[in-house]
Amino acid sequence: VYSITKDPHHQPSIMPGHRMVGHLAVGAFSQGHVVNDVQHALCRERGLRHEAFLHPSGQGRGKVTKAPCYISADFTINNNEVFRLDTLMRAMGISLDHDVTAHQGRSIRHVGLVIMLLLEVHSFEYGRGLLKRPFFVLKPIWANNTQYSRERSGFGMETVDDYGLHFLLQPGGTLATFSFNHLLEEVTTSLALFAASSIVVKFLAVYAFPLGGIYYTAMTRETPDIRQVEKLALVPDEQLQAEHRKLFGNAARGSKEELLLSLSSVHEDS
C-alpha cells in the first residue's frame, strides 16, 4: 500500500499494491556497471514471450531484443507480482557463482553479497500528468566489494557463518495528486507576475525609449464610445466604405473593426 498524502485517512490517495502493475528493470543502473550478455539474454527471452517492455509502465510490448528492458513478474500471488531470485540475479547480470568482489576465486555463494532494491512508484509523468493507473519499477543493484554473513552458534564452542544475500529496500518514484489549493496559489502567483511585468514594460516604454512620449499619448488616448460602434456595426459594409471615402478621400484598409473605430471617432467628434 502506498499513499501520496501525509494524511493516511485520505482514502482517494491510498491504493493497495495489488492494484498497481509492476515490472523488473533489467540493465546497469549504477556507476561502473555495464550491461552484459546475461541481461541481453533475459530481455530477449522475455521479449519472445511478450513479457518484456521498453518503458517501465509496460509500453513497447514485443519489440525488445536486448537490455535494458522491463520484464513482467514470474508469477502472481493474490494479484501481487513475484520475482524469483534467479530472475533478480539475471536482471543484474550475475549469478551465485559469479565473483563480483575483491576475493579472487570466491563466488557470491561463498562470501555473500549486499543488494540494493530501488522500489520506484510512479503516479505522475512529466508531459503526461497524472496517470490513470500508477505503476512501480523494481531496480536491483548489487554493491561492489561487499559480502554478507550471519554468525550462529554450532555444536559446542563452534561458530558457523551463514553466507547469503542481504537485500536493502529503498523507496522512491514520482507521486502526485491534484490539489485545488495548490492550483489557486499557482494562478495567483502567475497573475501577480503578469501584472508586474506589464508595469515594467510600460515604464520602460514611456521613460527609457526615445519615443516614449508618443507611446504614452497612444496609450492614454480616449477611445470612441462603444455605443456609437454598435450603431455603425448595423450599417452594410458598402455604405461604410462609401462613408470612409467621403470623409477621408480614400478607401478603407484593414479589418472591419478598424473601419468601425475610425468612423466612430469622427462621428463622435462631430
Protein backbone atom coordinates (compact mmCIF):
# COMPACT_ATOMS: atom_id res chain seq x y z
CA VAL A 1 0.00 0.00 0.00
CA TYR A 2 1.32 3.47 -0.77
CA SER A 3 -0.04 6.95 -0.04
CA ILE A 4 0.64 10.22 -1.83
CA THR A 5 -0.50 12.47 1.03
CA LYS A 6 0.60 12.89 4.62
CA ASP A 7 -2.87 12.06 5.92
CA PRO A 8 -3.41 8.27 5.86
CA HIS A 9 -7.18 8.79 6.21
CA HIS A 10 -7.37 10.44 2.79
CA GLN A 11 -8.74 7.39 1.02
CA PRO A 12 -8.55 8.63 -2.62
CA SER A 13 -4.77 8.91 -2.27
CA ILE A 14 -4.26 5.36 -0.98
CA MET A 15 -4.02 2.39 -3.32
CA PRO A 16 -3.39 -1.29 -2.48
CA GLY A 17 -0.27 -2.73 -4.03
CA HIS A 18 -2.15 -5.43 -5.95
CA ARG A 19 -3.91 -2.75 -8.00
CA MET A 20 -0.62 -1.49 -9.44
CA VAL A 21 1.22 -3.03 -12.37
CA GLY A 22 4.92 -3.52 -11.74
CA HIS A 23 7.99 -4.53 -13.73
CA LEU A 24 11.56 -5.52 -13.02
CA ALA A 25 14.27 -3.37 -14.57
CA VAL A 26 17.00 -5.24 -16.43
CA GLY A 27 20.12 -3.18 -17.03
CA ALA A 28 23.01 -1.28 -15.46
CA PHE A 29 21.73 1.36 -13.03
CA SER A 30 24.89 2.04 -11.02
CA GLN A 31 28.18 3.70 -11.88
CA GLY A 32 30.76 1.18 -13.00
CA HIS A 33 28.21 -1.46 -14.03
CA VAL A 34 27.71 -2.34 -17.70
CA VAL A 35 25.06 -4.39 -19.49
CA ASN A 36 26.28 -7.92 -20.27
CA ASP A 37 25.17 -10.99 -22.22
CA VAL A 38 23.21 -12.40 -19.28
CA GLN A 39 20.92 -9.37 -19.26
CA HIS A 40 20.59 -9.31 -23.05
CA ALA A 41 19.56 -12.97 -22.98
CA LEU A 42 16.93 -12.33 -20.29
CA CYS A 43 15.37 -9.44 -22.24
CA ARG A 44 15.43 -11.45 -25.47
CA GLU A 45 13.86 -14.48 -23.77
CA ARG A 46 11.08 -12.45 -22.19
CA GLY A 47 10.58 -10.49 -25.40
CA LEU A 48 9.75 -13.68 -27.28
CA ARG A 49 7.13 -14.42 -24.62
CA HIS A 50 5.77 -10.84 -24.89
CA GLU A 51 6.77 -10.17 -21.29
CA ALA A 52 9.45 -7.52 -21.92
CA PHE A 53 8.88 -3.80 -22.47
CA LEU A 54 10.80 -0.72 -23.48
CA HIS A 55 9.05 1.55 -20.97
CA PRO A 56 8.65 0.87 -17.24
CA SER A 57 4.88 1.45 -17.48
CA GLY A 58 4.53 -1.53 -19.85
CA GLN A 59 4.72 0.10 -23.28
CA GLY A 60 6.62 -1.35 -26.22
CA ARG A 61 5.46 -4.96 -25.82
CA GLY A 62 7.09 -7.49 -28.14
CA LYS A 63 9.76 -5.13 -29.51
CA VAL A 64 12.54 -5.89 -27.03
CA THR A 65 15.59 -7.88 -28.15
CA LYS A 66 18.29 -6.59 -25.80
CA ALA A 67 18.85 -4.85 -22.47
CA PRO A 68 17.94 -2.52 -20.95
CA CYS A 69 14.31 -3.57 -20.67
CA TYR A 70 11.50 -4.05 -18.15
CA ILE A 71 10.01 -7.51 -17.62
CA SER A 72 6.84 -8.83 -16.03
CA ALA A 73 6.74 -10.92 -12.87
CA ASP A 74 7.39 -14.66 -12.92
CA PHE A 75 4.01 -15.28 -11.32
CA THR A 76 1.48 -13.62 -9.01
CA ILE A 77 0.10 -14.43 -5.57
CA ASN A 78 -3.22 -12.72 -4.76
CA ASN A 79 -2.58 -10.37 -7.72
CA ASN A 80 0.81 -9.36 -6.27
CA GLU A 81 3.85 -9.65 -8.57
CA VAL A 82 6.51 -12.18 -7.51
CA PHE A 83 10.03 -12.38 -8.98
CA ARG A 84 12.23 -15.44 -8.48
CA LEU A 85 15.68 -14.99 -7.01
CA ASP A 86 17.21 -16.33 -10.22
CA THR A 87 15.38 -13.65 -12.20
CA LEU A 88 16.62 -10.91 -9.88
CA MET A 89 20.20 -12.14 -10.26
CA ARG A 90 19.95 -12.35 -14.07
CA ALA A 91 18.45 -8.85 -14.15
CA MET A 92 21.68 -7.65 -12.50
CA GLY A 93 23.78 -9.73 -14.91
CA ILE A 94 25.23 -12.04 -12.25
CA SER A 95 24.63 -15.42 -10.61
CA LEU A 96 25.59 -17.07 -7.34
CA ASP A 97 28.71 -18.47 -8.99
CA HIS A 98 30.00 -15.08 -10.13
CA ASP A 99 32.98 -13.46 -8.42
CA VAL A 100 31.92 -9.81 -8.08
CA THR A 101 34.05 -8.99 -5.03
CA ALA A 102 37.73 -8.44 -4.40
CA HIS A 103 38.06 -12.02 -3.08
CA GLN A 104 39.66 -13.69 -6.08
CA GLY A 105 38.24 -17.09 -6.80
CA ARG A 106 35.49 -16.80 -4.17
CA SER A 107 31.99 -16.57 -5.60
CA ILE A 108 28.89 -14.95 -4.17
CA ARG A 109 27.80 -18.37 -2.95
CA HIS A 110 30.81 -18.45 -0.57
CA VAL A 111 31.07 -14.81 0.59
CA GLY A 112 27.55 -13.39 0.18
CA LEU A 113 26.50 -10.08 -1.36
CA VAL A 114 24.63 -6.89 -0.48
CA ILE A 115 21.91 -5.91 -2.98
CA MET A 116 20.02 -2.62 -3.08
CA LEU A 117 16.40 -2.82 -4.29
CA LEU A 118 15.11 0.50 -5.58
CA LEU A 119 11.32 0.42 -5.46
CA GLU A 120 10.03 3.32 -7.53
CA VAL A 121 6.29 4.09 -7.55
CA HIS A 122 5.02 6.50 -10.22
CA SER A 123 1.62 8.17 -10.33
CA PHE A 124 2.82 11.13 -12.40
CA GLU A 125 4.93 11.55 -15.52
CA TYR A 126 6.25 14.78 -16.99
CA GLY A 127 4.48 15.51 -20.23
CA ARG A 128 1.57 13.17 -19.37
CA GLY A 129 0.43 14.48 -15.99
CA LEU A 130 -1.41 12.26 -13.54
CA LEU A 131 -1.60 8.62 -14.58
CA LYS A 132 -4.89 6.74 -14.55
CA ARG A 133 -3.13 3.70 -13.14
CA PRO A 134 0.08 4.09 -11.11
CA PHE A 135 2.87 1.58 -11.64
CA PHE A 136 6.05 0.55 -9.84
CA VAL A 137 9.54 -0.37 -11.05
CA LEU A 138 11.93 -2.62 -9.15
CA LYS A 139 15.61 -1.89 -9.84
CA PRO A 140 18.10 -4.33 -8.26
CA ILE A 141 21.67 -3.05 -7.85
CA TRP A 142 24.48 -5.12 -6.37
CA ALA A 143 27.10 -3.33 -4.26
CA ASN A 144 30.72 -3.65 -5.31
CA ASN A 145 33.21 -5.40 -3.00
CA THR A 146 30.62 -6.39 -0.39
CA GLN A 147 29.90 -9.62 1.41
CA TYR A 148 27.30 -10.72 3.89
CA SER A 149 27.29 -13.42 6.53
CA ARG A 150 25.42 -14.12 9.74
CA GLU A 151 27.08 -15.88 12.63
CA ARG A 152 25.23 -18.53 14.58
CA SER A 153 26.26 -20.96 17.27
CA GLY A 154 27.08 -24.51 16.21
CA PHE A 155 27.88 -27.57 18.28
CA GLY A 156 29.78 -26.79 21.47
CA MET A 157 32.04 -23.72 21.08
CA GLU A 158 31.85 -23.79 17.30
CA THR A 159 30.66 -20.68 15.36
CA VAL A 160 29.10 -21.08 11.93
CA ASP A 161 28.96 -18.32 9.30
CA ASP A 162 25.88 -18.37 7.08
CA TYR A 163 26.64 -16.54 3.82
CA GLY A 164 23.81 -15.22 1.74
CA LEU A 165 22.20 -12.26 0.00
CA HIS A 166 21.32 -9.18 2.04
CA PHE A 167 18.60 -7.03 0.42
CA LEU A 168 18.19 -3.36 1.30
CA LEU A 169 14.95 -1.71 0.15
CA GLN A 170 14.95 1.95 -0.83
CA PRO A 171 11.61 3.55 -1.85
CA GLY A 172 11.38 6.31 -4.45
CA GLY A 173 9.47 7.42 -7.52
CA THR A 174 7.25 10.31 -8.57
CA LEU A 175 3.99 10.73 -6.69
CA ALA A 176 1.44 13.48 -7.24
CA THR A 177 -2.21 14.29 -6.67
CA PHE A 178 -4.46 17.16 -7.77
CA SER A 179 -4.75 19.98 -5.22
CA PHE A 180 -7.15 22.89 -5.76
CA ASN A 181 -5.37 24.96 -3.12
CA HIS A 182 -2.04 24.50 -4.89
CA LEU A 183 -3.68 25.40 -8.22
CA LEU A 184 -5.10 28.60 -6.67
CA GLU A 185 -1.66 29.54 -5.35
CA GLU A 186 -0.05 29.00 -8.75
CA VAL A 187 -2.74 31.00 -10.58
CA THR A 188 -2.49 33.87 -8.08
CA THR A 189 1.29 33.95 -8.38
CA SER A 190 1.11 33.88 -12.19
CA LEU A 191 -1.37 36.78 -12.29
CA ALA A 192 0.87 38.81 -9.98
CA LEU A 193 3.87 38.16 -12.25
CA PHE A 194 1.88 39.19 -15.34
CA ALA A 195 0.78 42.40 -13.64
CA ALA A 196 4.33 43.21 -12.52
CA SER A 197 5.75 42.52 -15.99
CA SER A 198 3.12 44.76 -17.59
CA ILE A 199 4.06 47.62 -15.27
CA VAL A 200 7.76 47.18 -16.02
CA VAL A 201 7.18 47.12 -19.80
CA LYS A 202 5.05 50.29 -19.68
CA PHE A 203 7.61 52.07 -17.51
CA LEU A 204 10.44 51.22 -19.90
CA ALA A 205 8.40 52.18 -22.96
CA VAL A 206 7.47 55.61 -21.53
CA TYR A 207 10.65 56.65 -19.70
CA ALA A 208 13.50 54.64 -21.24
CA PHE A 209 12.86 54.78 -25.00
CA PRO A 210 13.23 57.89 -27.24
CA LEU A 211 9.62 57.70 -28.49
CA GLY A 212 8.17 57.30 -25.03
CA GLY A 213 6.00 60.43 -25.39
CA ILE A 214 4.30 59.04 -28.49
CA TYR A 215 3.69 55.71 -26.77
CA TYR A 216 2.21 57.47 -23.73
CA THR A 217 -0.09 59.58 -25.93
CA ALA A 218 -1.32 56.49 -27.83
CA MET A 219 -1.78 54.58 -24.61
CA THR A 220 -3.83 57.28 -22.90
CA ARG A 221 -5.89 58.33 -25.96
CA GLU A 222 -9.60 58.28 -25.30
CA THR A 223 -11.36 55.51 -27.20
CA PRO A 224 -14.66 56.03 -29.07
CA ASP A 225 -17.97 55.39 -27.37
CA ILE A 226 -18.80 51.71 -27.81
CA ARG A 227 -22.46 52.58 -28.36
CA GLN A 228 -21.50 54.50 -31.48
CA VAL A 229 -19.55 51.48 -32.72
CA GLU A 230 -22.56 49.23 -32.14
CA LYS A 231 -24.74 51.51 -34.26
CA LEU A 232 -22.25 51.57 -37.14
CA ALA A 233 -21.91 47.77 -36.99
CA LEU A 234 -25.51 47.51 -38.24
CA VAL A 235 -24.70 49.51 -41.36
CA PRO A 236 -23.86 47.49 -44.54
CA ASP A 237 -20.18 47.24 -45.48
CA GLU A 238 -20.66 49.06 -48.81
CA GLN A 239 -22.21 52.06 -47.05
CA LEU A 240 -19.38 52.11 -44.51
CA GLN A 241 -16.79 52.12 -47.30
CA ALA A 242 -18.61 54.97 -49.05
CA GLU A 243 -18.73 56.98 -45.82
CA HIS A 244 -15.00 56.43 -45.30
CA ARG A 245 -14.18 57.65 -48.85
CA LYS A 246 -16.37 60.70 -48.26
CA LEU A 247 -14.63 61.63 -45.01
CA PHE A 248 -11.02 60.67 -45.74
CA GLY A 249 -10.91 60.70 -49.54
CA ASN A 250 -9.68 57.09 -49.93
CA ALA A 251 -10.80 53.54 -49.47
CA ALA A 252 -10.52 51.96 -46.06
CA ARG A 253 -7.73 49.47 -45.42
CA GLY A 254 -7.57 46.87 -42.74
CA SER A 255 -10.26 44.93 -40.91
CA LYS A 256 -13.86 45.92 -40.43
CA GLU A 257 -13.15 46.58 -36.76
CA GLU A 258 -10.54 49.19 -37.70
CA LEU A 259 -13.04 50.79 -40.10
CA LEU A 260 -15.69 50.98 -37.38
CA LEU A 261 -13.30 52.57 -34.88
CA SER A 262 -12.13 55.13 -37.46
CA LEU A 263 -15.68 56.14 -38.41
CA SER A 264 -16.96 56.16 -34.84
CA SER A 265 -14.24 58.57 -33.74
CA VAL A 266 -15.24 61.02 -36.50
CA HIS A 267 -18.98 60.73 -35.73
CA GLU A 268 -18.29 61.23 -32.03
CA ASP A 269 -16.27 64.42 -32.66
CA SER A 270 -19.00 65.79 -34.89
